[in-house]
């Protein structure tokens, strides 16, 4: 990751550079996974997702600026070794993309073939057919999951069972 393979004392790039690069990738991946998992954004979500990524870089600069006897190996690692290195930014970009592709693919398949009820409602609104009862029934029938939970689900199941029994008589 450094511009040179060896430092002034002849040592190769160390665990400090690898650790910062790896943790940068973790910070980016986790925050972008959260962003992909959210159906809609609020300001507080934007603040925490993008703010935590920004906080990581601020932390690297502040911690690296502390005296070397305190930070030991992390002294100016980001500012002097990683930030000017194009390979650091390329590694971060490609690691983040390659780790998010399976997550994004899984989410897309799940939403397309096994959508949750709230995703079906969003689909109805997106299609602009919220007032079309046939389309809404088709989307509702496509949902394999029950729409209620707990005591409400038991009550709905009893009502449905009694209604079906009365119709058969």
N, C-alpha and C. Protein backbone atom coordinates (compact mmCIF):
# COMPACT_ATOMS: atom_id res chain seq x y z
N UNK A 1 0.80 -1.20 0.00
CA UNK A 1 0.00 0.00 0.00
C UNK A 1 0.85 1.27 0.00
N UNK A 2 2.05 1.15 0.45
CA UNK A 2 2.92 2.33 0.47
C UNK A 2 3.42 2.63 -0.93
N UNK A 3 3.89 3.84 -1.09
CA UNK A 3 4.46 4.20 -2.39
C UNK A 3 5.74 3.43 -2.65
N UNK A 4 6.45 3.04 -1.59
CA UNK A 4 7.65 2.24 -1.71
C UNK A 4 7.41 0.92 -1.00
N UNK A 5 8.07 -0.12 -1.45
CA UNK A 5 7.90 -1.43 -0.82
C UNK A 5 8.58 -1.50 0.54
N UNK A 6 9.62 -0.68 0.75
CA UNK A 6 10.37 -0.72 2.00
C UNK A 6 10.40 0.68 2.61
N UNK A 7 10.40 0.75 3.94
CA UNK A 7 10.53 2.05 4.60
C UNK A 7 12.01 2.41 4.74
N UNK A 8 12.29 3.50 5.44
CA UNK A 8 13.67 4.00 5.57
C UNK A 8 14.58 3.01 6.29
N UNK A 9 14.03 2.17 7.15
CA UNK A 9 14.84 1.21 7.89
C UNK A 9 14.91 -0.16 7.19
N UNK A 10 14.35 -0.26 5.99
CA UNK A 10 14.43 -1.50 5.23
C UNK A 10 13.34 -2.51 5.55
N UNK A 11 12.34 -2.13 6.35
CA UNK A 11 11.24 -3.04 6.68
C UNK A 11 10.16 -2.97 5.60
N UNK A 12 9.50 -4.08 5.40
CA UNK A 12 8.39 -4.10 4.43
C UNK A 12 7.14 -3.51 5.07
N UNK A 13 6.15 -3.26 4.23
CA UNK A 13 4.87 -2.74 4.73
C UNK A 13 4.33 -3.70 5.79
N UNK A 14 3.89 -3.14 6.89
CA UNK A 14 3.56 -3.98 8.04
C UNK A 14 2.10 -4.21 8.29
N UNK A 15 1.86 -4.80 9.46
CA UNK A 15 0.50 -5.12 9.88
C UNK A 15 -0.33 -3.87 10.11
N UNK A 16 0.31 -2.78 10.41
CA UNK A 16 -0.43 -1.55 10.65
C UNK A 16 -1.17 -1.10 9.38
N UNK A 17 -0.50 -1.16 8.26
CA UNK A 17 -1.12 -0.76 6.99
C UNK A 17 -2.18 -1.76 6.59
N UNK A 18 -1.88 -3.03 6.71
CA UNK A 18 -2.86 -4.06 6.40
C UNK A 18 -4.09 -3.95 7.31
N UNK A 19 -3.86 -3.70 8.60
CA UNK A 19 -4.96 -3.58 9.55
C UNK A 19 -5.87 -2.41 9.26
N UNK A 20 -5.28 -1.26 8.96
CA UNK A 20 -6.09 -0.08 8.64
C UNK A 20 -6.87 -0.31 7.36
N UNK A 21 -6.24 -0.91 6.36
CA UNK A 21 -6.94 -1.19 5.11
C UNK A 21 -8.08 -2.16 5.33
N UNK A 22 -7.82 -3.21 6.08
CA UNK A 22 -8.86 -4.21 6.34
C UNK A 22 -10.03 -3.59 7.12
N UNK A 23 -9.73 -2.83 8.15
CA UNK A 23 -10.79 -2.26 8.95
C UNK A 23 -11.56 -1.19 8.17
N UNK A 24 -10.89 -0.48 7.28
CA UNK A 24 -11.59 0.47 6.41
C UNK A 24 -12.61 -0.25 5.55
N UNK A 25 -12.21 -1.38 5.01
CA UNK A 25 -13.14 -2.18 4.20
C UNK A 25 -14.32 -2.67 5.03
N UNK A 26 -14.05 -3.07 6.26
CA UNK A 26 -15.14 -3.53 7.15
C UNK A 26 -16.11 -2.39 7.43
N UNK A 27 -15.60 -1.21 7.73
CA UNK A 27 -16.46 -0.06 8.01
C UNK A 27 -17.34 0.25 6.81
N UNK A 28 -16.75 0.29 5.63
CA UNK A 28 -17.52 0.57 4.42
C UNK A 28 -18.57 -0.51 4.15
N UNK A 29 -18.18 -1.78 4.24
CA UNK A 29 -19.10 -2.88 3.92
C UNK A 29 -20.28 -2.90 4.88
N UNK A 30 -20.02 -2.80 6.16
CA UNK A 30 -21.10 -2.86 7.14
C UNK A 30 -22.07 -1.70 6.95
N UNK A 31 -21.56 -0.53 6.74
CA UNK A 31 -22.44 0.63 6.57
C UNK A 31 -23.22 0.57 5.27
N UNK A 32 -22.60 0.10 4.21
CA UNK A 32 -23.33 -0.01 2.95
C UNK A 32 -24.33 -1.16 2.98
N UNK A 33 -24.07 -2.21 3.73
CA UNK A 33 -25.07 -3.26 3.91
C UNK A 33 -26.28 -2.71 4.64
N UNK A 34 -26.05 -1.89 5.64
CA UNK A 34 -27.18 -1.25 6.32
C UNK A 34 -27.96 -0.38 5.34
N UNK A 35 -27.26 0.36 4.50
CA UNK A 35 -27.93 1.22 3.53
C UNK A 35 -28.76 0.38 2.54
N UNK A 36 -28.25 -0.78 2.14
CA UNK A 36 -29.00 -1.65 1.23
C UNK A 36 -30.20 -2.30 1.91
N UNK A 37 -30.11 -2.50 3.21
CA UNK A 37 -31.19 -3.16 3.94
C UNK A 37 -32.36 -2.22 4.23
N UNK A 38 -32.13 -0.94 4.14
CA UNK A 38 -33.16 0.04 4.47
C UNK A 38 -34.06 0.26 3.26
N UNK A 39 -35.37 0.20 3.50
CA UNK A 39 -36.33 0.40 2.41
C UNK A 39 -36.47 1.87 2.04
N UNK A 40 -36.36 2.73 3.03
CA UNK A 40 -36.43 4.16 2.78
C UNK A 40 -35.54 4.86 3.80
N UNK A 41 -35.00 6.00 3.43
CA UNK A 41 -34.04 6.69 4.28
C UNK A 41 -34.69 7.85 5.02
N UNK A 42 -34.26 8.04 6.24
CA UNK A 42 -34.59 9.25 6.99
C UNK A 42 -33.27 10.00 7.22
N UNK A 43 -33.37 11.20 7.69
CA UNK A 43 -32.16 11.99 7.92
C UNK A 43 -31.26 11.35 8.98
N UNK A 44 -31.86 10.76 9.99
CA UNK A 44 -31.06 10.15 11.06
C UNK A 44 -30.27 8.95 10.53
N UNK A 45 -30.87 8.19 9.60
CA UNK A 45 -30.16 7.06 9.01
C UNK A 45 -29.00 7.55 8.15
N UNK A 46 -29.24 8.57 7.36
CA UNK A 46 -28.15 9.16 6.58
C UNK A 46 -27.04 9.63 7.52
N UNK A 47 -27.42 10.29 8.59
CA UNK A 47 -26.43 10.82 9.53
C UNK A 47 -25.57 9.71 10.10
N UNK A 48 -26.18 8.62 10.54
CA UNK A 48 -25.39 7.57 11.19
C UNK A 48 -24.61 6.72 10.19
N UNK A 49 -25.17 6.43 9.04
CA UNK A 49 -24.45 5.60 8.06
C UNK A 49 -23.25 6.35 7.50
N UNK A 50 -23.48 7.52 6.93
CA UNK A 50 -22.38 8.25 6.32
C UNK A 50 -21.49 8.90 7.39
N UNK A 51 -22.09 9.24 8.53
CA UNK A 51 -21.31 9.83 9.62
C UNK A 51 -20.32 8.85 10.22
N UNK A 52 -20.70 7.58 10.31
CA UNK A 52 -19.76 6.60 10.88
C UNK A 52 -18.59 6.34 9.93
N UNK A 53 -18.83 6.40 8.64
CA UNK A 53 -17.72 6.28 7.68
C UNK A 53 -16.80 7.48 7.81
N UNK A 54 -17.38 8.66 7.88
CA UNK A 54 -16.59 9.87 8.05
C UNK A 54 -15.84 9.85 9.38
N UNK A 55 -16.49 9.38 10.42
CA UNK A 55 -15.87 9.30 11.74
C UNK A 55 -14.64 8.38 11.71
N UNK A 56 -14.69 7.30 10.93
CA UNK A 56 -13.55 6.40 10.83
C UNK A 56 -12.32 7.14 10.28
N UNK A 57 -12.53 7.94 9.23
CA UNK A 57 -11.40 8.66 8.65
C UNK A 57 -10.90 9.76 9.59
N UNK A 58 -11.80 10.42 10.28
CA UNK A 58 -11.39 11.42 11.27
C UNK A 58 -10.59 10.75 12.38
N UNK A 59 -11.07 9.59 12.84
CA UNK A 59 -10.35 8.85 13.87
C UNK A 59 -8.94 8.50 13.41
N UNK A 60 -8.80 8.03 12.17
CA UNK A 60 -7.47 7.69 11.65
C UNK A 60 -6.54 8.89 11.66
N UNK A 61 -7.05 10.05 11.28
CA UNK A 61 -6.20 11.24 11.25
C UNK A 61 -5.85 11.72 12.65
N UNK A 62 -6.83 11.71 13.56
CA UNK A 62 -6.57 12.18 14.92
C UNK A 62 -5.64 11.22 15.65
N UNK A 63 -5.92 9.93 15.57
CA UNK A 63 -5.08 8.95 16.26
C UNK A 63 -3.67 8.93 15.69
N UNK A 64 -3.56 9.08 14.38
CA UNK A 64 -2.25 9.10 13.75
C UNK A 64 -1.45 10.35 14.05
N UNK A 65 -2.13 11.43 14.44
CA UNK A 65 -1.44 12.68 14.74
C UNK A 65 -0.93 12.73 16.18
N UNK A 66 -1.33 11.78 17.01
CA UNK A 66 -0.85 11.75 18.40
C UNK A 66 0.63 11.36 18.41
N UNK A 67 1.31 11.63 19.51
CA UNK A 67 2.75 11.34 19.58
C UNK A 67 3.07 9.86 19.33
N UNK A 68 4.20 9.58 18.71
CA UNK A 68 4.55 8.20 18.36
C UNK A 68 4.68 7.26 19.56
N UNK A 69 5.04 7.77 20.73
CA UNK A 69 5.14 6.88 21.88
C UNK A 69 3.76 6.39 22.33
N UNK A 70 2.71 7.12 21.95
CA UNK A 70 1.35 6.72 22.30
C UNK A 70 0.74 5.83 21.22
N UNK A 71 0.89 6.20 19.96
CA UNK A 71 0.26 5.46 18.86
C UNK A 71 1.13 4.33 18.32
N UNK A 72 2.37 4.29 18.66
CA UNK A 72 3.36 3.30 18.20
C UNK A 72 3.27 3.09 16.69
N UNK A 73 2.77 1.96 16.23
CA UNK A 73 2.77 1.63 14.79
C UNK A 73 1.80 2.47 13.98
N UNK A 74 0.81 3.06 14.60
CA UNK A 74 -0.22 3.79 13.85
C UNK A 74 0.13 5.25 13.62
N UNK A 75 1.33 5.66 13.95
CA UNK A 75 1.72 7.06 13.81
C UNK A 75 1.68 7.47 12.34
N UNK A 76 0.77 8.32 12.00
CA UNK A 76 0.59 8.89 10.65
C UNK A 76 0.50 7.83 9.54
N UNK A 77 -0.04 6.68 9.86
CA UNK A 77 -0.17 5.62 8.86
C UNK A 77 -1.13 6.06 7.75
N UNK A 78 -2.25 6.63 8.13
CA UNK A 78 -3.23 7.02 7.11
C UNK A 78 -2.73 8.20 6.29
N UNK A 79 -2.26 9.22 6.94
CA UNK A 79 -1.88 10.45 6.24
C UNK A 79 -0.66 10.24 5.36
N UNK A 80 0.35 9.52 5.86
CA UNK A 80 1.60 9.39 5.11
C UNK A 80 1.66 8.16 4.21
N UNK A 81 1.05 7.06 4.62
CA UNK A 81 1.21 5.83 3.84
C UNK A 81 -0.02 5.49 3.00
N UNK A 82 -1.23 5.64 3.55
CA UNK A 82 -2.41 5.14 2.85
C UNK A 82 -3.12 6.16 1.98
N UNK A 83 -3.36 7.33 2.50
CA UNK A 83 -4.12 8.33 1.73
C UNK A 83 -3.48 8.67 0.39
N UNK A 84 -2.15 8.82 0.30
CA UNK A 84 -1.57 9.12 -1.01
C UNK A 84 -1.47 7.90 -1.93
N UNK A 85 -1.73 6.73 -1.43
CA UNK A 85 -1.55 5.51 -2.22
C UNK A 85 -2.82 5.16 -3.00
N UNK A 86 -2.75 5.15 -4.33
CA UNK A 86 -3.92 4.77 -5.12
C UNK A 86 -4.34 3.31 -4.87
N UNK A 87 -3.39 2.47 -4.54
CA UNK A 87 -3.75 1.06 -4.32
C UNK A 87 -4.65 0.90 -3.09
N UNK A 88 -4.48 1.75 -2.07
CA UNK A 88 -5.36 1.71 -0.90
C UNK A 88 -6.80 1.99 -1.30
N UNK A 89 -7.00 3.00 -2.11
CA UNK A 89 -8.36 3.37 -2.52
C UNK A 89 -8.94 2.33 -3.47
N UNK A 90 -8.11 1.77 -4.35
CA UNK A 90 -8.59 0.72 -5.26
C UNK A 90 -8.95 -0.56 -4.51
N UNK A 91 -8.11 -0.95 -3.57
CA UNK A 91 -8.41 -2.14 -2.76
C UNK A 91 -9.70 -1.94 -1.98
N UNK A 92 -9.84 -0.77 -1.37
CA UNK A 92 -11.07 -0.48 -0.62
C UNK A 92 -12.29 -0.57 -1.53
N UNK A 93 -12.21 0.05 -2.69
CA UNK A 93 -13.34 0.05 -3.63
C UNK A 93 -13.69 -1.37 -4.08
N UNK A 94 -12.70 -2.13 -4.55
CA UNK A 94 -12.99 -3.45 -5.09
C UNK A 94 -13.39 -4.46 -4.02
N UNK A 95 -12.84 -4.35 -2.82
CA UNK A 95 -13.26 -5.25 -1.74
C UNK A 95 -14.70 -4.96 -1.36
N UNK A 96 -15.05 -3.69 -1.25
CA UNK A 96 -16.42 -3.33 -0.89
C UNK A 96 -17.40 -3.81 -1.97
N UNK A 97 -17.09 -3.58 -3.21
CA UNK A 97 -17.98 -4.02 -4.30
C UNK A 97 -18.11 -5.53 -4.32
N UNK A 98 -16.99 -6.24 -4.20
CA UNK A 98 -17.04 -7.71 -4.28
C UNK A 98 -17.75 -8.33 -3.08
N UNK A 99 -17.73 -7.69 -1.94
CA UNK A 99 -18.46 -8.24 -0.79
C UNK A 99 -19.93 -7.85 -0.80
N UNK A 100 -20.28 -6.78 -1.48
CA UNK A 100 -21.69 -6.38 -1.53
C UNK A 100 -22.47 -7.05 -2.66
N UNK A 101 -21.80 -7.55 -3.67
CA UNK A 101 -22.51 -8.20 -4.78
C UNK A 101 -23.33 -9.40 -4.31
N UNK A 102 -22.79 -10.32 -3.52
CA UNK A 102 -23.65 -11.43 -3.04
C UNK A 102 -24.80 -10.95 -2.15
N UNK A 103 -24.54 -9.97 -1.30
CA UNK A 103 -25.59 -9.44 -0.43
C UNK A 103 -26.69 -8.79 -1.26
N UNK A 104 -26.30 -7.97 -2.25
CA UNK A 104 -27.27 -7.31 -3.11
C UNK A 104 -28.04 -8.33 -3.95
N UNK A 105 -27.36 -9.35 -4.45
CA UNK A 105 -28.03 -10.40 -5.24
C UNK A 105 -29.06 -11.15 -4.42
N UNK A 106 -28.69 -11.51 -3.20
CA UNK A 106 -29.63 -12.20 -2.31
C UNK A 106 -30.85 -11.34 -2.03
N UNK A 107 -30.63 -10.06 -1.74
CA UNK A 107 -31.74 -9.15 -1.45
C UNK A 107 -32.64 -8.98 -2.67
N UNK A 108 -32.06 -8.89 -3.86
CA UNK A 108 -32.85 -8.73 -5.07
C UNK A 108 -33.67 -9.98 -5.36
N UNK A 109 -33.08 -11.15 -5.20
CA UNK A 109 -33.82 -12.41 -5.42
C UNK A 109 -34.94 -12.56 -4.41
N UNK A 110 -34.64 -12.24 -3.16
CA UNK A 110 -35.66 -12.35 -2.12
C UNK A 110 -36.83 -11.40 -2.40
N UNK A 111 -36.53 -10.19 -2.80
CA UNK A 111 -37.60 -9.23 -3.06
C UNK A 111 -38.40 -9.61 -4.30
N UNK A 112 -37.75 -10.16 -5.30
CA UNK A 112 -38.44 -10.51 -6.55
C UNK A 112 -39.29 -11.77 -6.40
N UNK A 113 -38.77 -12.80 -5.75
CA UNK A 113 -39.46 -14.08 -5.70
C UNK A 113 -40.11 -14.39 -4.35
N UNK A 114 -39.62 -13.82 -3.28
CA UNK A 114 -40.15 -14.09 -1.94
C UNK A 114 -40.35 -12.78 -1.18
N UNK A 115 -41.16 -11.86 -1.70
CA UNK A 115 -41.28 -10.55 -1.05
C UNK A 115 -42.05 -10.62 0.27
N UNK A 116 -41.67 -9.73 1.17
CA UNK A 116 -42.43 -9.58 2.41
C UNK A 116 -43.64 -8.71 2.13
N UNK A 117 -44.57 -8.70 3.06
CA UNK A 117 -45.82 -8.00 2.81
C UNK A 117 -45.60 -6.50 2.59
N UNK A 118 -44.72 -5.88 3.36
CA UNK A 118 -44.50 -4.44 3.18
C UNK A 118 -43.85 -4.15 1.82
N UNK A 119 -43.08 -5.10 1.29
CA UNK A 119 -42.51 -4.91 -0.04
C UNK A 119 -43.58 -5.02 -1.12
N UNK A 120 -44.55 -5.89 -0.88
CA UNK A 120 -45.67 -5.98 -1.81
C UNK A 120 -46.48 -4.69 -1.83
N UNK A 121 -46.69 -4.10 -0.68
CA UNK A 121 -47.41 -2.83 -0.61
C UNK A 121 -46.62 -1.74 -1.34
N UNK A 122 -45.30 -1.73 -1.15
CA UNK A 122 -44.48 -0.76 -1.87
C UNK A 122 -44.54 -1.00 -3.38
N UNK A 123 -44.62 -2.25 -3.77
CA UNK A 123 -44.71 -2.58 -5.19
C UNK A 123 -46.02 -2.06 -5.77
N UNK A 124 -47.11 -2.21 -5.03
CA UNK A 124 -48.40 -1.69 -5.49
C UNK A 124 -48.31 -0.18 -5.67
N UNK A 125 -47.72 0.51 -4.70
CA UNK A 125 -47.61 1.96 -4.80
C UNK A 125 -46.69 2.36 -5.95
N UNK A 126 -45.62 1.61 -6.16
CA UNK A 126 -44.68 1.92 -7.23
C UNK A 126 -45.33 1.73 -8.60
N UNK A 127 -46.13 0.71 -8.75
CA UNK A 127 -46.79 0.44 -10.03
C UNK A 127 -47.91 1.44 -10.30
N UNK A 128 -48.34 2.18 -9.29
CA UNK A 128 -49.40 3.17 -9.47
C UNK A 128 -50.78 2.55 -9.60
N UNK A 129 -50.94 1.32 -9.15
CA UNK A 129 -52.21 0.62 -9.28
C UNK A 129 -52.86 0.42 -7.91
N UNK A 130 -52.72 1.41 -7.05
CA UNK A 130 -53.23 1.27 -5.70
C UNK A 130 -54.76 1.25 -5.67
N UNK A 131 -55.41 1.78 -6.71
CA UNK A 131 -56.88 1.79 -6.75
C UNK A 131 -57.45 0.67 -7.60
N UNK A 132 -56.60 -0.20 -8.13
CA UNK A 132 -57.06 -1.33 -8.94
C UNK A 132 -57.24 -2.55 -8.04
N UNK A 133 -58.50 -2.94 -7.72
CA UNK A 133 -58.70 -4.04 -6.77
C UNK A 133 -58.19 -5.39 -7.29
N UNK A 134 -58.26 -5.63 -8.59
CA UNK A 134 -57.78 -6.90 -9.13
C UNK A 134 -56.26 -7.02 -8.97
N UNK A 135 -55.56 -5.94 -9.25
CA UNK A 135 -54.10 -5.95 -9.10
C UNK A 135 -53.72 -6.13 -7.63
N UNK A 136 -54.42 -5.45 -6.73
CA UNK A 136 -54.13 -5.57 -5.30
C UNK A 136 -54.40 -6.99 -4.82
N UNK A 137 -55.47 -7.63 -5.31
CA UNK A 137 -55.75 -9.02 -4.93
C UNK A 137 -54.67 -9.96 -5.45
N UNK A 138 -54.20 -9.71 -6.67
CA UNK A 138 -53.14 -10.55 -7.25
C UNK A 138 -51.87 -10.43 -6.41
N UNK A 139 -51.52 -9.22 -6.01
CA UNK A 139 -50.33 -9.03 -5.20
C UNK A 139 -50.53 -9.65 -3.82
N UNK A 140 -51.72 -9.51 -3.24
CA UNK A 140 -51.99 -10.07 -1.93
C UNK A 140 -51.91 -11.59 -1.97
N UNK A 141 -52.42 -12.22 -3.04
CA UNK A 141 -52.36 -13.67 -3.17
C UNK A 141 -50.93 -14.16 -3.36
N UNK A 142 -50.11 -13.31 -3.92
CA UNK A 142 -48.71 -13.69 -4.16
C UNK A 142 -47.92 -13.79 -2.86
N UNK A 143 -48.41 -13.12 -1.82
CA UNK A 143 -47.73 -13.15 -0.54
C UNK A 143 -47.94 -14.51 0.11
N UNK A 144 -46.84 -15.19 0.43
CA UNK A 144 -46.92 -16.50 1.05
C UNK A 144 -46.91 -16.40 2.56
N UNK A 145 -46.57 -15.24 3.08
CA UNK A 145 -46.47 -15.07 4.52
C UNK A 145 -47.77 -14.51 5.07
N UNK A 146 -48.13 -14.88 6.28
CA UNK A 146 -49.32 -14.28 6.88
C UNK A 146 -49.06 -12.80 7.16
N UNK A 147 -50.13 -12.03 7.12
CA UNK A 147 -49.99 -10.58 7.31
C UNK A 147 -50.13 -10.17 8.76
N UNK A 148 -50.52 -11.09 9.62
CA UNK A 148 -50.69 -10.76 11.02
C UNK A 148 -49.86 -11.69 11.87
N UNK A 149 -49.65 -11.31 13.12
CA UNK A 149 -48.86 -12.11 14.03
C UNK A 149 -49.56 -12.19 15.38
N UNK A 150 -49.16 -13.15 16.17
CA UNK A 150 -49.63 -13.26 17.54
C UNK A 150 -51.11 -13.57 17.65
N UNK A 151 -51.78 -12.92 18.61
CA UNK A 151 -53.19 -13.19 18.86
C UNK A 151 -54.06 -12.77 17.68
N UNK A 152 -53.64 -11.73 16.95
CA UNK A 152 -54.40 -11.31 15.78
C UNK A 152 -54.40 -12.39 14.71
N UNK A 153 -53.27 -13.06 14.53
CA UNK A 153 -53.18 -14.12 13.54
C UNK A 153 -54.06 -15.30 13.95
N UNK A 154 -54.06 -15.65 15.23
CA UNK A 154 -54.91 -16.76 15.69
C UNK A 154 -56.38 -16.42 15.49
N UNK A 155 -56.78 -15.19 15.80
CA UNK A 155 -58.17 -14.77 15.61
C UNK A 155 -58.55 -14.81 14.13
N UNK A 156 -57.66 -14.33 13.27
CA UNK A 156 -57.94 -14.35 11.83
C UNK A 156 -58.03 -15.78 11.32
N UNK A 157 -57.19 -16.68 11.81
CA UNK A 157 -57.23 -18.07 11.38
C UNK A 157 -58.53 -18.74 11.83
N UNK A 158 -58.97 -18.47 13.06
CA UNK A 158 -60.24 -19.03 13.55
C UNK A 158 -61.41 -18.51 12.72
N UNK A 159 -61.43 -17.22 12.46
CA UNK A 159 -62.51 -16.62 11.68
C UNK A 159 -62.53 -17.21 10.28
N UNK A 160 -61.36 -17.36 9.66
CA UNK A 160 -61.27 -17.93 8.32
C UNK A 160 -61.74 -19.39 8.32
N UNK A 161 -61.34 -20.14 9.36
CA UNK A 161 -61.71 -21.55 9.47
C UNK A 161 -63.21 -21.69 9.65
N UNK A 162 -63.82 -20.88 10.52
CA UNK A 162 -65.27 -20.93 10.75
C UNK A 162 -66.01 -20.52 9.48
N UNK A 163 -65.53 -19.51 8.79
CA UNK A 163 -66.18 -19.06 7.57
C UNK A 163 -66.12 -20.15 6.50
N UNK A 164 -64.97 -20.81 6.35
CA UNK A 164 -64.86 -21.90 5.37
C UNK A 164 -65.78 -23.06 5.73
N UNK A 165 -65.92 -23.40 7.00
CA UNK A 165 -66.78 -24.49 7.43
C UNK A 165 -68.25 -24.16 7.16
N UNK A 166 -68.64 -22.90 7.37
CA UNK A 166 -70.02 -22.48 7.12
C UNK A 166 -70.33 -22.48 5.63
N UNK A 167 -69.37 -22.16 4.80
CA UNK A 167 -69.59 -22.14 3.36
C UNK A 167 -69.79 -23.56 2.83
N UNK A 168 -69.07 -24.53 3.38
CA UNK A 168 -69.16 -25.90 2.91
C UNK A 168 -70.51 -26.52 3.26
N UNK A 169 -71.20 -26.06 4.30
CA UNK A 169 -72.49 -26.64 4.71
C UNK A 169 -73.57 -26.25 3.84
